[in-house]
Amino acid sequence: MTILDETYTLSNGVEIPKLGLGTWFIDDGQAAEAVRAAVEIGYRNIDTAQAYGNERGVGEGLRTAGVPRDELFVSTKLAAEIKDRGQAADAIDGSLEKLGTEYIDLMLIHSPQPWDDFRGGDYAEGNREAWRALEEAHRDGRIRSIGVSNFERQDLENLLQGTTVVPHVNQLLVHAGNTPSELLDHCERKQILVEAYSPIAHGAILRNPEVQAMAQKYGVSVPQLCIRYTLQLGTVSLPKTANPGHMRSNAEVDFEISDDDMNALRGLRDVDYGEHSAFPVYSGK
């Protein structure tokens, strides 16, 4: 049994694989091939988003991967600009159609604010409107679990005023060098599972000498150490790659990081994203 066979159980009883494939920045034309390669290696958790522009390709990859649909866990996200119930309902239909599937395993609100006003104005009511559309699709069985992404504590509290379903998931930027411990603790108390996107820190962490030395000590690569770190935090880890070799090595993480080293990684502050420093980087700008 490898990490690819291990799952967490969401608060509604749905099982989600602990390691998934992120598909951000994988072109629609290449997405099907990447997904097929991942499924062949053993991945069962595939994460996409309307903003990535590759739902069609991801869906094609899933349909042609030769694995029954009920063995796969497929996530997508409502575009961050959608803060209206009707638009959200239409967008959910759009994702189902593009993915070519009768149901989605997990759908998230991609951000509490539109990307061009990230961490800006107040969209609390708009988020509640979009959430109601997700709740309806969840009730109808078209979405098995629903959640949010990039939501801070206040965003979560705003959402929960007048909603019936507590988010099953909050997908966050979590990696060695950026560990939002208080938010992780808050989500755990609320039984909201955290998914870690960009667990390898957009590559910035690869050059950190402290992290390099620690990886060497365990006889693993820096990406493997970083992925293992997010798993030991109790999060789903979603490394993004279209390279089958990287997919394989990303799943070879059956070692244990000591408590002392976990604390050292948790205390790192290394948020130089280099070429990706224009955060958020999902707006396609």
C-alpha atoms as a PDB file:
ATOM      1  CA  MET A   1       0.000   0.000   0.000  1.00  0.00           C
ATOM      2  CA  THR A   2       1.330   3.429  -0.945  1.00  0.00           C
ATOM      3  CA  ILE A   3       0.201   6.981  -0.235  1.00  0.00           C
ATOM      4  CA  LEU A   4      -1.890   6.746  -3.441  1.00  0.00           C
ATOM      5  CA  ASP A   5      -4.112   4.184  -1.673  1.00  0.00           C
ATOM      6  CA  GLU A   6      -4.599   6.258   1.492  1.00  0.00           C
ATOM      7  CA  THR A   7      -7.644   8.460   2.073  1.00  0.00           C
ATOM      8  CA  TYR A   8      -9.102  10.966   4.498  1.00  0.00           C
ATOM      9  CA  THR A   9     -12.818  10.965   5.301  1.00  0.00           C
ATOM     10  CA  LEU A  10     -14.646  14.276   4.941  1.00  0.00           C
ATOM     11  CA  SER A  11     -17.196  15.378   7.538  1.00  0.00           C
ATOM     12  CA  ASN A  12     -20.019  14.054   5.308  1.00  0.00           C
ATOM     13  CA  GLY A  13     -18.434  10.591   5.078  1.00  0.00           C
ATOM     14  CA  VAL A  14     -17.016  10.972   1.555  1.00  0.00           C
ATOM     15  CA  GLU A  15     -13.510   9.550   1.151  1.00  0.00           C
ATOM     16  CA  ILE A  16     -10.828  11.637  -0.554  1.00  0.00           C
ATOM     17  CA  PRO A  17      -7.365  10.371  -1.556  1.00  0.00           C
ATOM     18  CA  LYS A  18      -4.563  12.011   0.451  1.00  0.00           C
ATOM     19  CA  LEU A  19      -2.409  12.731  -2.604  1.00  0.00           C
ATOM     20  CA  GLY A  20      -3.816  14.302  -5.740  1.00  0.00           C
ATOM     21  CA  LEU A  21      -2.701  15.761  -9.045  1.00  0.00           C
ATOM     22  CA  GLY A  22      -2.948  19.514  -9.472  1.00  0.00           C
ATOM     23  CA  THR A  23      -3.541  20.588 -13.079  1.00  0.00           C
ATOM     24  CA  TRP A  24      -3.038  24.372 -12.853  1.00  0.00           C
ATOM     25  CA  PHE A  25      -1.004  25.643 -15.847  1.00  0.00           C
ATOM     26  CA  ILE A  26      -1.534  22.401 -17.792  1.00  0.00           C
ATOM     27  CA  ASP A  27      -3.007  23.403 -21.176  1.00  0.00           C
ATOM     28  CA  ASP A  28      -6.347  21.949 -22.169  1.00  0.00           C
ATOM     29  CA  GLY A  29      -4.656  20.179 -25.069  1.00  0.00           C
ATOM     30  CA  GLN A  30      -2.146  18.435 -22.769  1.00  0.00           C
ATOM     31  CA  ALA A  31      -4.506  17.793 -19.847  1.00  0.00           C
ATOM     32  CA  ALA A  32      -5.992  14.497 -21.063  1.00  0.00           C
ATOM     33  CA  GLU A  33      -2.560  12.941 -21.534  1.00  0.00           C
ATOM     34  CA  ALA A  34      -1.377  14.145 -18.103  1.00  0.00           C
ATOM     35  CA  VAL A  35      -4.500  12.794 -16.400  1.00  0.00           C
ATOM     36  CA  ARG A  36      -4.209   9.414 -18.146  1.00  0.00           C
ATOM     37  CA  ALA A  37      -0.556   9.161 -17.088  1.00  0.00           C
ATOM     38  CA  ALA A  38      -1.444  10.018 -13.482  1.00  0.00           C
ATOM     39  CA  VAL A  39      -4.265   7.482 -13.329  1.00  0.00           C
ATOM     40  CA  GLU A  40      -2.006   4.804 -14.793  1.00  0.00           C
ATOM     41  CA  ILE A  41       0.574   5.531 -12.064  1.00  0.00           C
ATOM     42  CA  GLY A  42      -2.162   5.157  -9.448  1.00  0.00           C
ATOM     43  CA  TYR A  43      -3.486   8.661  -8.795  1.00  0.00           C
ATOM     44  CA  ARG A  44      -7.219   8.760  -8.137  1.00  0.00           C
ATOM     45  CA  ASN A  45      -7.602  12.410  -7.033  1.00  0.00           C
ATOM     46  CA  ILE A  46      -7.540  14.973  -9.876  1.00  0.00           C
ATOM     47  CA  ASP A  47      -7.958  18.705  -9.193  1.00  0.00           C
ATOM     48  CA  THR A  48      -8.910  21.325 -11.769  1.00  0.00           C
ATOM     49  CA  ALA A  49     -10.819  24.643 -11.906  1.00  0.00           C
ATOM     50  CA  GLN A  50     -12.853  26.734 -14.284  1.00  0.00           C
ATOM     51  CA  ALA A  51     -10.042  29.314 -14.148  1.00  0.00           C
ATOM     52  CA  TYR A  52      -7.490  26.787 -15.416  1.00  0.00           C
ATOM     53  CA  GLY A  53      -9.333  26.484 -18.732  1.00  0.00           C
ATOM     54  CA  ASN A  54      -8.654  22.744 -18.932  1.00  0.00           C
ATOM     55  CA  GLU A  55     -11.822  21.057 -17.625  1.00  0.00           C
ATOM     56  CA  ARG A  56     -12.569  19.631 -21.078  1.00  0.00           C
ATOM     57  CA  GLY A  57      -9.129  18.009 -21.331  1.00  0.00           C
ATOM     58  CA  VAL A  58      -9.217  16.764 -17.738  1.00  0.00           C
ATOM     59  CA  GLY A  59     -12.631  15.204 -18.382  1.00  0.00           C
ATOM     60  CA  GLU A  60     -11.391  13.508 -21.541  1.00  0.00           C
ATOM     61  CA  GLY A  61      -8.418  12.102 -19.606  1.00  0.00           C
ATOM     62  CA  LEU A  62     -10.686  10.731 -16.901  1.00  0.00           C
ATOM     63  CA  ARG A  63     -13.079   9.134 -19.390  1.00  0.00           C
ATOM     64  CA  THR A  64     -10.286   7.471 -21.376  1.00  0.00           C
ATOM     65  CA  ALA A  65      -8.102   6.394 -18.437  1.00  0.00           C
ATOM     66  CA  GLY A  66      -9.669   2.938 -18.210  1.00  0.00           C
ATOM     67  CA  VAL A  67     -10.693   3.236 -14.549  1.00  0.00           C
ATOM     68  CA  PRO A  68     -14.356   3.228 -13.427  1.00  0.00           C
ATOM     69  CA  ARG A  69     -15.674   6.718 -12.629  1.00  0.00           C
ATOM     70  CA  ASP A  70     -16.573   5.741  -9.054  1.00  0.00           C
ATOM     71  CA  GLU A  71     -12.896   4.993  -8.335  1.00  0.00           C
ATOM     72  CA  LEU A  72     -11.880   8.550  -9.227  1.00  0.00           C
ATOM     73  CA  PHE A  73     -12.173  11.737  -7.161  1.00  0.00           C
ATOM     74  CA  VAL A  74     -12.643  14.806  -9.342  1.00  0.00           C
ATOM     75  CA  SER A  75     -12.520  18.373  -8.015  1.00  0.00           C
ATOM     76  CA  THR A  76     -13.169  21.675  -9.743  1.00  0.00           C
ATOM     77  CA  LYS A  77     -13.773  25.260  -8.673  1.00  0.00           C
ATOM     78  CA  LEU A  78     -16.252  28.032  -9.440  1.00  0.00           C
ATOM     79  CA  ALA A  79     -14.539  30.977 -11.100  1.00  0.00           C
ATOM     80  CA  ALA A  80     -13.604  33.542  -8.443  1.00  0.00           C
ATOM     81  CA  GLU A  81     -15.642  36.275 -10.192  1.00  0.00           C
ATOM     82  CA  ILE A  82     -18.927  34.424  -9.672  1.00  0.00           C
ATOM     83  CA  LYS A  83     -20.699  35.928  -6.647  1.00  0.00           C
ATOM     84  CA  ASP A  84     -24.300  35.347  -7.696  1.00  0.00           C
ATOM     85  CA  ARG A  85     -26.585  32.352  -7.241  1.00  0.00           C
ATOM     86  CA  GLY A  86     -27.880  32.172 -10.813  1.00  0.00           C
ATOM     87  CA  GLN A  87     -24.432  32.568 -12.369  1.00  0.00           C
ATOM     88  CA  ALA A  88     -23.061  29.946  -9.986  1.00  0.00           C
ATOM     89  CA  ALA A  89     -25.826  27.481 -10.905  1.00  0.00           C
ATOM     90  CA  ASP A  90     -25.074  28.002 -14.612  1.00  0.00           C
ATOM     91  CA  ALA A  91     -21.335  27.600 -13.990  1.00  0.00           C
ATOM     92  CA  ILE A  92     -21.889  24.312 -12.123  1.00  0.00           C
ATOM     93  CA  ASP A  93     -23.825  23.030 -15.155  1.00  0.00           C
ATOM     94  CA  GLY A  94     -20.978  24.269 -17.349  1.00  0.00           C
ATOM     95  CA  SER A  95     -18.364  22.342 -15.380  1.00  0.00           C
ATOM     96  CA  LEU A  96     -20.406  19.145 -15.452  1.00  0.00           C
ATOM     97  CA  GLU A  97     -20.777  19.519 -19.206  1.00  0.00           C
ATOM     98  CA  LYS A  98     -17.098  20.311 -19.875  1.00  0.00           C
ATOM     99  CA  LEU A  99     -15.874  17.499 -17.629  1.00  0.00           C
ATOM    100  CA  GLY A 100     -18.420  15.193 -19.290  1.00  0.00           C
ATOM    101  CA  THR A 101     -19.434  13.615 -15.989  1.00  0.00           C
ATOM    102  CA  GLU A 102     -22.772  13.135 -14.232  1.00  0.00           C
ATOM    103  CA  TYR A 103     -21.375  14.289 -10.901  1.00  0.00           C
ATOM    104  CA  ILE A 104     -18.374  16.118  -9.425  1.00  0.00           C
ATOM    105  CA  ASP A 105     -16.805  14.769  -6.235  1.00  0.00           C
ATOM    106  CA  LEU A 106     -15.808  18.174  -4.859  1.00  0.00           C
ATOM    107  CA  MET A 107     -16.530  21.714  -6.027  1.00  0.00           C
ATOM    108  CA  LEU A 108     -15.075  24.811  -4.383  1.00  0.00           C
ATOM    109  CA  ILE A 109     -15.543  28.582  -4.476  1.00  0.00           C
ATOM    110  CA  HIS A 110     -12.088  29.426  -5.858  1.00  0.00           C
ATOM    111  CA  SER A 111     -11.569  32.611  -3.857  1.00  0.00           C
ATOM    112  CA  PRO A 112     -13.533  34.809  -1.432  1.00  0.00           C
ATOM    113  CA  GLN A 113     -12.895  37.758  -3.771  1.00  0.00           C
ATOM    114  CA  PRO A 114     -12.577  38.055  -7.559  1.00  0.00           C
ATOM    115  CA  TRP A 115      -8.887  37.792  -8.537  1.00  0.00           C
ATOM    116  CA  ASP A 116      -8.702  41.429  -9.643  1.00  0.00           C
ATOM    117  CA  ASP A 117      -9.746  42.470  -6.110  1.00  0.00           C
ATOM    118  CA  PHE A 118      -8.042  39.670  -4.143  1.00  0.00           C
ATOM    119  CA  ARG A 119      -8.128  40.383  -0.374  1.00  0.00           C
ATOM    120  CA  GLY A 120     -10.006  43.569  -1.301  1.00  0.00           C
ATOM    121  CA  GLY A 121     -13.700  44.421  -0.929  1.00  0.00           C
ATOM    122  CA  ASP A 122     -16.560  42.732   0.898  1.00  0.00           C
ATOM    123  CA  TYR A 123     -18.115  39.878  -1.067  1.00  0.00           C
ATOM    124  CA  ALA A 124     -19.677  38.059   1.896  1.00  0.00           C
ATOM    125  CA  GLU A 125     -23.205  38.115   0.469  1.00  0.00           C
ATOM    126  CA  GLY A 126     -21.988  37.108  -2.984  1.00  0.00           C
ATOM    127  CA  ASN A 127     -20.143  34.155  -1.486  1.00  0.00           C
ATOM    128  CA  ARG A 128     -23.284  33.076   0.362  1.00  0.00           C
ATOM    129  CA  GLU A 129     -25.224  33.319  -2.935  1.00  0.00           C
ATOM    130  CA  ALA A 130     -22.668  31.159  -4.768  1.00  0.00           C
ATOM    131  CA  TRP A 131     -22.648  28.757  -1.810  1.00  0.00           C
ATOM    132  CA  ARG A 132     -26.430  28.311  -2.016  1.00  0.00           C
ATOM    133  CA  ALA A 133     -26.049  27.169  -5.612  1.00  0.00           C
ATOM    134  CA  LEU A 134     -23.380  24.668  -4.506  1.00  0.00           C
ATOM    135  CA  GLU A 135     -25.642  23.483  -1.660  1.00  0.00           C
ATOM    136  CA  GLU A 136     -28.489  22.887  -4.136  1.00  0.00           C
ATOM    137  CA  ALA A 137     -26.259  20.864  -6.474  1.00  0.00           C
ATOM    138  CA  HIS A 138     -24.973  18.956  -3.434  1.00  0.00           C
ATOM    139  CA  ARG A 139     -28.539  18.161  -2.364  1.00  0.00           C
ATOM    140  CA  ASP A 140     -29.332  17.009  -5.909  1.00  0.00           C
ATOM    141  CA  GLY A 141     -26.363  14.628  -5.858  1.00  0.00           C
ATOM    142  CA  ARG A 142     -24.594  16.373  -8.721  1.00  0.00           C
ATOM    143  CA  ILE A 143     -21.767  17.370  -6.352  1.00  0.00           C
ATOM    144  CA  ARG A 144     -20.758  14.922  -3.610  1.00  0.00           C
ATOM    145  CA  SER A 145     -18.955  17.463  -1.424  1.00  0.00           C
ATOM    146  CA  ILE A 146     -18.546  21.232  -1.461  1.00  0.00           C
ATOM    147  CA  GLY A 147     -15.937  23.611  -0.165  1.00  0.00           C
ATOM    148  CA  VAL A 148     -13.945  26.781  -0.571  1.00  0.00           C
ATOM    149  CA  SER A 149     -10.422  27.863  -1.483  1.00  0.00           C
ATOM    150  CA  ASN A 150      -8.233  30.692  -0.178  1.00  0.00           C
ATOM    151  CA  PHE A 151     -10.808  31.418   2.562  1.00  0.00           C
ATOM    152  CA  GLU A 152      -9.382  32.966   5.725  1.00  0.00           C
ATOM    153  CA  ARG A 153     -11.097  32.643   9.087  1.00  0.00           C
ATOM    154  CA  GLN A 154     -13.254  35.758   8.612  1.00  0.00           C
ATOM    155  CA  ASP A 155     -14.305  34.591   5.134  1.00  0.00           C
ATOM    156  CA  LEU A 156     -15.401  31.253   6.604  1.00  0.00           C
ATOM    157  CA  GLU A 157     -17.344  32.963   9.398  1.00  0.00           C
ATOM    158  CA  ASN A 158     -19.071  35.270   6.899  1.00  0.00           C
ATOM    159  CA  LEU A 159     -20.035  32.266   4.765  1.00  0.00           C
ATOM    160  CA  LEU A 160     -21.499  30.315   7.666  1.00  0.00           C
ATOM    161  CA  GLN A 161     -24.066  33.009   8.470  1.00  0.00           C
ATOM    162  CA  GLY A 162     -27.208  31.650   6.868  1.00  0.00           C
ATOM    163  CA  THR A 163     -25.861  28.516   5.199  1.00  0.00           C
ATOM    164  CA  THR A 164     -26.783  24.934   6.043  1.00  0.00           C
ATOM    165  CA  VAL A 165     -23.643  23.025   4.995  1.00  0.00           C
ATOM    166  CA  VAL A 166     -20.282  23.751   6.615  1.00  0.00           C
ATOM    167  CA  PRO A 167     -17.600  23.548   3.893  1.00  0.00           C
ATOM    168  CA  HIS A 168     -16.135  20.064   3.698  1.00  0.00           C
ATOM    169  CA  VAL A 169     -12.809  21.432   2.385  1.00  0.00           C
ATOM    170  CA  ASN A 170     -10.729  24.622   2.337  1.00  0.00           C
ATOM    171  CA  GLN A 171      -7.974  24.519  -0.299  1.00  0.00           C
ATOM    172  CA  LEU A 172      -5.101  26.760   0.753  1.00  0.00           C
ATOM    173  CA  LEU A 173      -1.551  27.700  -0.167  1.00  0.00           C
ATOM    174  CA  VAL A 174       0.364  25.525   2.309  1.00  0.00           C
ATOM    175  CA  HIS A 175       4.013  24.595   2.052  1.00  0.00           C
ATOM    176  CA  ALA A 176       7.226  24.648   4.062  1.00  0.00           C
ATOM    177  CA  GLY A 177       7.829  28.392   4.299  1.00  0.00           C
ATOM    178  CA  ASN A 178       4.126  29.239   4.325  1.00  0.00           C
ATOM    179  CA  THR A 179       2.237  27.332   7.022  1.00  0.00           C
ATOM    180  CA  PRO A 180      -0.906  29.190   8.185  1.00  0.00           C
ATOM    181  CA  SER A 181      -1.009  27.305  11.508  1.00  0.00           C
ATOM    182  CA  GLU A 182      -3.877  29.259  13.109  1.00  0.00           C
ATOM    183  CA  LEU A 183      -6.086  28.818  10.041  1.00  0.00           C
ATOM    184  CA  LEU A 184      -5.212  25.105   9.852  1.00  0.00           C
ATOM    185  CA  ASP A 185      -6.197  24.714  13.523  1.00  0.00           C
ATOM    186  CA  HIS A 186      -9.436  26.647  12.966  1.00  0.00           C
ATOM    187  CA  CYS A 187     -10.382  24.431  10.012  1.00  0.00           C
ATOM    188  CA  GLU A 188      -9.619  21.305  12.033  1.00  0.00           C
ATOM    189  CA  ARG A 189     -11.921  22.493  14.837  1.00  0.00           C
ATOM    190  CA  LYS A 190     -14.690  23.064  12.280  1.00  0.00           C
ATOM    191  CA  GLN A 191     -14.049  19.610  10.693  1.00  0.00           C
ATOM    192  CA  ILE A 192     -13.023  21.312   7.445  1.00  0.00           C
ATOM    193  CA  LEU A 193     -10.311  19.283   5.706  1.00  0.00           C
ATOM    194  CA  VAL A 194      -7.504  21.433   4.288  1.00  0.00           C
ATOM    195  CA  GLU A 195      -6.048  20.721   0.854  1.00  0.00           C
ATOM    196  CA  ALA A 196      -2.533  22.080   0.284  1.00  0.00           C
ATOM    197  CA  TYR A 197      -2.003  23.510  -3.179  1.00  0.00           C
ATOM    198  CA  SER A 198       1.505  24.336  -4.427  1.00  0.00           C
ATOM    199  CA  PRO A 199       3.047  22.116  -1.697  1.00  0.00           C
ATOM    200  CA  ILE A 200       6.434  22.491  -3.411  1.00  0.00           C
ATOM    201  CA  ALA A 201       6.198  26.298  -3.099  1.00  0.00           C
ATOM    202  CA  HIS A 202       6.260  27.036  -6.846  1.00  0.00           C
ATOM    203  CA  GLY A 203       9.834  25.724  -6.805  1.00  0.00           C
ATOM    204  CA  ALA A 204      11.146  28.587  -4.602  1.00  0.00           C
ATOM    205  CA  ILE A 205      11.799  26.202  -1.706  1.00  0.00           C
ATOM    206  CA  LEU A 206      14.086  24.017  -3.852  1.00  0.00           C
ATOM    207  CA  ARG A 207      16.938  26.477  -3.331  1.00  0.00           C
ATOM    208  CA  ASN A 208      16.626  26.693   0.462  1.00  0.00           C
ATOM    209  CA  PRO A 209      19.865  25.239   1.956  1.00  0.00           C
ATOM    210  CA  GLU A 210      18.165  24.201   5.227  1.00  0.00           C
ATOM    211  CA  VAL A 211      15.510  22.258   3.336  1.00  0.00           C
ATOM    212  CA  GLN A 212      18.084  20.753   0.966  1.00  0.00           C
ATOM    213  CA  ALA A 213      20.126  19.479   3.931  1.00  0.00           C
ATOM    214  CA  MET A 214      17.028  17.990   5.587  1.00  0.00           C
ATOM    215  CA  ALA A 215      15.979  16.189   2.401  1.00  0.00           C
ATOM    216  CA  GLN A 216      19.482  14.744   2.111  1.00  0.00           C
ATOM    217  CA  LYS A 217      19.232  13.457   5.686  1.00  0.00           C
ATOM    218  CA  TYR A 218      16.107  11.439   4.800  1.00  0.00           C
ATOM    219  CA  GLY A 219      17.551  10.331   1.477  1.00  0.00           C
ATOM    220  CA  VAL A 220      14.735  11.993  -0.484  1.00  0.00           C
ATOM    221  CA  SER A 221      14.352  14.885  -2.919  1.00  0.00           C
ATOM    222  CA  VAL A 222      13.250  18.344  -1.768  1.00  0.00           C
ATOM    223  CA  PRO A 223       9.841  17.949  -3.513  1.00  0.00           C
ATOM    224  CA  GLN A 224       9.325  14.604  -1.721  1.00  0.00           C
ATOM    225  CA  LEU A 225      10.185  16.228   1.628  1.00  0.00           C
ATOM    226  CA  CYS A 226       7.789  19.117   0.913  1.00  0.00           C
ATOM    227  CA  ILE A 227       4.930  16.795  -0.073  1.00  0.00           C
ATOM    228  CA  ARG A 228       5.506  14.602   2.980  1.00  0.00           C
ATOM    229  CA  TYR A 229       5.462  17.732   5.168  1.00  0.00           C
ATOM    230  CA  THR A 230       1.992  18.745   3.955  1.00  0.00           C
ATOM    231  CA  LEU A 231       0.710  15.177   4.416  1.00  0.00           C
ATOM    232  CA  GLN A 232       1.982  15.074   8.005  1.00  0.00           C
ATOM    233  CA  LEU A 233       0.183  18.362   8.647  1.00  0.00           C
ATOM    234  CA  GLY A 234      -2.991  16.370   7.944  1.00  0.00           C
ATOM    235  CA  THR A 235      -3.752  18.010   4.609  1.00  0.00           C
ATOM    236  CA  VAL A 236      -4.438  16.612   1.148  1.00  0.00           C
ATOM    237  CA  SER A 237      -1.336  17.369  -0.949  1.00  0.00           C
ATOM    238  CA  LEU A 238      -1.880  18.545  -4.545  1.00  0.00           C
ATOM    239  CA  PRO A 239       1.455  18.847  -6.367  1.00  0.00           C
ATOM    240  CA  LYS A 240       1.005  20.071  -9.942  1.00  0.00           C
ATOM    241  CA  THR A 241       2.903  18.401 -12.763  1.00  0.00           C
ATOM    242  CA  ALA A 242       2.375  17.092 -16.279  1.00  0.00           C
ATOM    243  CA  ASN A 243       5.576  15.032 -16.085  1.00  0.00           C
ATOM    244  CA  PRO A 244       4.977  11.302 -15.394  1.00  0.00           C
ATOM    245  CA  GLY A 245       8.436  10.953 -13.832  1.00  0.00           C
ATOM    246  CA  HIS A 246       7.599  13.702 -11.343  1.00  0.00           C
ATOM    247  CA  MET A 247       4.169  12.139 -10.716  1.00  0.00           C
ATOM    248  CA  ARG A 248       5.907   8.891  -9.742  1.00  0.00           C
ATOM    249  CA  SER A 249       8.521  10.481  -7.483  1.00  0.00           C
ATOM    250  CA  ASN A 250       5.885  12.754  -5.876  1.00  0.00           C
ATOM    251  CA  ALA A 251       4.090   9.584  -4.732  1.00  0.00           C
ATOM    252  CA  GLU A 252       7.233   8.004  -3.221  1.00  0.00           C
ATOM    253  CA  VAL A 253       6.806   9.553   0.204  1.00  0.00           C
ATOM    254  CA  ASP A 254       6.552   6.582   2.574  1.00  0.00           C
ATOM    255  CA  PHE A 255       9.010   8.033   5.109  1.00  0.00           C
ATOM    256  CA  GLU A 256       8.311   9.861   8.372  1.00  0.00           C
ATOM    257  CA  ILE A 257       9.563  13.367   9.207  1.00  0.00           C
ATOM    258  CA  SER A 258      10.528  13.665  12.888  1.00  0.00           C
ATOM    259  CA  ASP A 259       8.649  16.063  15.194  1.00  0.00           C
ATOM    260  CA  ASP A 260      11.727  18.300  15.474  1.00  0.00           C
ATOM    261  CA  ASP A 261      12.081  18.539  11.701  1.00  0.00           C
ATOM    262  CA  MET A 262       8.327  19.137  11.302  1.00  0.00           C
ATOM    263  CA  ASN A 263       8.649  22.053  13.736  1.00  0.00           C
ATOM    264  CA  ALA A 264      11.654  23.406  11.828  1.00  0.00           C
ATOM    265  CA  LEU A 265       9.717  23.263   8.541  1.00  0.00           C
ATOM    266  CA  ARG A 266       6.657  24.797  10.193  1.00  0.00           C
ATOM    267  CA  GLY A 267       8.799  27.729  11.358  1.00  0.00           C
ATOM    268  CA  LEU A 268      10.317  28.451   7.936  1.00  0.00           C
ATOM    269  CA  ARG A 269       9.482  31.778   6.331  1.00  0.00           C
ATOM    270  CA  ASP A 270      10.406  31.546   2.690  1.00  0.00           C
ATOM    271  CA  VAL A 271       7.876  33.145   0.407  1.00  0.00           C
ATOM    272  CA  ASP A 272       9.976  34.277  -2.531  1.00  0.00           C
ATOM    273  CA  TYR A 273       7.870  33.024  -5.425  1.00  0.00           C
ATOM    274  CA  GLY A 274      10.279  34.302  -8.045  1.00  0.00           C
ATOM    275  CA  GLU A 275       8.568  34.468 -11.423  1.00  0.00           C
ATOM    276  CA  HIS A 276       5.224  33.586  -9.757  1.00  0.00           C
ATOM    277  CA  SER A 277       5.411  36.457  -7.245  1.00  0.00           C
ATOM    278  CA  ALA A 278       2.378  38.239  -8.738  1.00  0.00           C
ATOM    279  CA  PHE A 279       0.042  36.426  -6.350  1.00  0.00           C
ATOM    280  CA  PRO A 280      -2.638  35.383  -7.009  1.00  0.00           C
ATOM    281  CA  VAL A 281      -1.413  33.843 -10.213  1.00  0.00           C
ATOM    282  CA  TYR A 282      -4.674  32.231 -11.332  1.00  0.00           C
ATOM    283  CA  SER A 283      -6.076  35.243 -13.125  1.00  0.00           C
ATOM    284  CA  GLY A 284      -4.096  34.410 -16.248  1.00  0.00           C
ATOM    285  CA  LYS A 285      -2.439  37.839 -16.213  1.00  0.00           C
END
